[in-house]
Amino acid sequence: MTVTKEIVPLGGVLRGEGHERKCRIKAWRHAMFEDEANTPIRLTYSRCEIEDADEFPDGDYVLEFDGHKVLLIRKAGQYLPKCA
């Protein structure tokens, strides 16, 4: 089993507090490969960061990209992972 990690640019949609917009994000992509396979059997993401700015109010948001959803909270103008 082989795992690769790389930072990738992605497009996503940010929704919450009555707002919605497309956004650009940067994330660590982890790809898991079976021995000598060229296609990953699993992709996961971490450290997702929104790269472009907006004037949305502080509150709860959902970031959707590449079939994944990440819960975020906006505080003082910055998007942070929402802890349960």
C-alpha atoms as a PDB file:
ATOM      1  CA  MET A   1       0.000   0.000   0.000  1.00  0.00           C
ATOM      2  CA  THR A   2       1.326   3.428  -0.986  1.00  0.00           C
ATOM      3  CA  VAL A   3       0.033   6.812   0.127  1.00  0.00           C
ATOM      4  CA  THR A   4       0.928  10.066  -1.617  1.00  0.00           C
ATOM      5  CA  LYS A   5       0.332  13.588  -0.321  1.00  0.00           C
ATOM      6  CA  GLU A   6       0.187  16.764  -2.353  1.00  0.00           C
ATOM      7  CA  ILE A   7      -1.287  20.251  -2.116  1.00  0.00           C
ATOM      8  CA  VAL A   8      -3.909  20.754  -4.826  1.00  0.00           C
ATOM      9  CA  PRO A   9      -6.048  23.686  -5.961  1.00  0.00           C
ATOM     10  CA  LEU A  10      -9.769  22.913  -6.169  1.00  0.00           C
ATOM     11  CA  GLY A  11     -13.037  24.681  -6.851  1.00  0.00           C
ATOM     12  CA  GLY A  12     -15.843  24.481  -4.352  1.00  0.00           C
ATOM     13  CA  VAL A  13     -19.106  25.976  -3.187  1.00  0.00           C
ATOM     14  CA  LEU A  14     -19.473  27.744   0.150  1.00  0.00           C
ATOM     15  CA  ARG A  15     -22.972  27.919   1.686  1.00  0.00           C
ATOM     16  CA  GLY A  16     -24.371  29.280   4.918  1.00  0.00           C
ATOM     17  CA  GLU A  17     -26.002  32.167   6.768  1.00  0.00           C
ATOM     18  CA  GLY A  18     -28.239  32.773   3.729  1.00  0.00           C
ATOM     19  CA  HIS A  19     -25.285  33.122   1.341  1.00  0.00           C
ATOM     20  CA  GLU A  20     -23.750  30.964  -1.376  1.00  0.00           C
ATOM     21  CA  ARG A  21     -20.771  31.419  -3.677  1.00  0.00           C
ATOM     22  CA  LYS A  22     -18.178  29.534  -5.676  1.00  0.00           C
ATOM     23  CA  CYS A  23     -14.724  29.625  -4.164  1.00  0.00           C
ATOM     24  CA  ARG A  24     -11.151  28.547  -4.725  1.00  0.00           C
ATOM     25  CA  ILE A  25      -9.583  26.285  -2.134  1.00  0.00           C
ATOM     26  CA  LYS A  26      -6.228  24.714  -1.422  1.00  0.00           C
ATOM     27  CA  ALA A  27      -6.133  21.306   0.253  1.00  0.00           C
ATOM     28  CA  TRP A  28      -3.809  18.434   1.071  1.00  0.00           C
ATOM     29  CA  ARG A  29      -4.907  15.440  -1.017  1.00  0.00           C
ATOM     30  CA  HIS A  30      -3.990  11.979   0.264  1.00  0.00           C
ATOM     31  CA  ALA A  31      -4.180   9.244  -2.376  1.00  0.00           C
ATOM     32  CA  MET A  32      -4.002   5.573  -1.372  1.00  0.00           C
ATOM     33  CA  PHE A  33      -2.789   3.094  -3.987  1.00  0.00           C
ATOM     34  CA  GLU A  34      -2.723  -0.681  -3.948  1.00  0.00           C
ATOM     35  CA  ASP A  35       0.633  -2.165  -4.902  1.00  0.00           C
ATOM     36  CA  GLU A  36       1.748  -0.873  -8.306  1.00  0.00           C
ATOM     37  CA  ALA A  37      -1.720   0.450  -9.238  1.00  0.00           C
ATOM     38  CA  ASN A  38      -1.957   3.681 -11.254  1.00  0.00           C
ATOM     39  CA  THR A  39      -5.403   4.677  -9.989  1.00  0.00           C
ATOM     40  CA  PRO A  40      -5.959   5.459  -6.294  1.00  0.00           C
ATOM     41  CA  ILE A  41      -8.400   3.288  -4.377  1.00  0.00           C
ATOM     42  CA  ARG A  42      -9.146   6.133  -1.954  1.00  0.00           C
ATOM     43  CA  LEU A  43      -8.800   9.923  -1.895  1.00  0.00           C
ATOM     44  CA  THR A  44      -9.070  11.988   1.275  1.00  0.00           C
ATOM     45  CA  TYR A  45      -8.453  15.669   1.951  1.00  0.00           C
ATOM     46  CA  SER A  46      -7.176  17.669   4.898  1.00  0.00           C
ATOM     47  CA  ARG A  47      -6.147  21.247   5.696  1.00  0.00           C
ATOM     48  CA  CYS A  48      -8.745  22.769   3.384  1.00  0.00           C
ATOM     49  CA  GLU A  49      -8.271  26.529   3.092  1.00  0.00           C
ATOM     50  CA  ILE A  50     -10.451  28.997   1.198  1.00  0.00           C
ATOM     51  CA  GLU A  51      -8.133  31.166  -0.878  1.00  0.00           C
ATOM     52  CA  ASP A  52     -10.403  34.008  -1.993  1.00  0.00           C
ATOM     53  CA  ALA A  53     -12.052  36.637   0.188  1.00  0.00           C
ATOM     54  CA  ASP A  54     -15.684  37.588   0.730  1.00  0.00           C
ATOM     55  CA  GLU A  55     -17.824  39.808   2.914  1.00  0.00           C
ATOM     56  CA  PHE A  56     -20.005  37.040   4.387  1.00  0.00           C
ATOM     57  CA  PRO A  57     -21.100  37.435   8.027  1.00  0.00           C
ATOM     58  CA  ASP A  58     -19.605  35.372  10.827  1.00  0.00           C
ATOM     59  CA  GLY A  59     -21.468  32.102  11.411  1.00  0.00           C
ATOM     60  CA  ASP A  60     -21.777  28.473  10.292  1.00  0.00           C
ATOM     61  CA  TYR A  61     -20.918  27.380   6.736  1.00  0.00           C
ATOM     62  CA  VAL A  62     -20.546  24.227   4.641  1.00  0.00           C
ATOM     63  CA  LEU A  63     -17.790  23.931   2.036  1.00  0.00           C
ATOM     64  CA  GLU A  64     -18.503  21.376  -0.717  1.00  0.00           C
ATOM     65  CA  PHE A  65     -15.845  20.186  -3.175  1.00  0.00           C
ATOM     66  CA  ASP A  66     -15.020  17.018  -5.095  1.00  0.00           C
ATOM     67  CA  GLY A  67     -17.902  15.138  -3.444  1.00  0.00           C
ATOM     68  CA  HIS A  68     -16.804  16.127   0.084  1.00  0.00           C
ATOM     69  CA  LYS A  69     -18.375  18.409   2.687  1.00  0.00           C
ATOM     70  CA  VAL A  70     -16.484  20.311   5.375  1.00  0.00           C
ATOM     71  CA  LEU A  71     -18.208  22.162   8.218  1.00  0.00           C
ATOM     72  CA  LEU A  72     -16.695  25.580   8.869  1.00  0.00           C
ATOM     73  CA  ILE A  73     -17.296  28.479  11.191  1.00  0.00           C
ATOM     74  CA  ARG A  74     -16.429  32.028  10.205  1.00  0.00           C
ATOM     75  CA  LYS A  75     -15.035  34.110  13.069  1.00  0.00           C
ATOM     76  CA  ALA A  76     -13.561  37.595  12.718  1.00  0.00           C
ATOM     77  CA  GLY A  77     -13.500  37.171   8.932  1.00  0.00           C
ATOM     78  CA  GLN A  78     -11.642  33.828   8.895  1.00  0.00           C
ATOM     79  CA  TYR A  79     -12.999  30.365   8.063  1.00  0.00           C
ATOM     80  CA  LEU A  80     -12.026  27.728  10.616  1.00  0.00           C
ATOM     81  CA  PRO A  81     -12.861  24.012  10.913  1.00  0.00           C
ATOM     82  CA  LYS A  82     -15.945  23.537  13.030  1.00  0.00           C
ATOM     83  CA  CYS A  83     -15.256  21.299  16.015  1.00  0.00           C
ATOM     84  CA  ALA A  84     -18.114  19.096  17.194  1.00  0.00           C
END
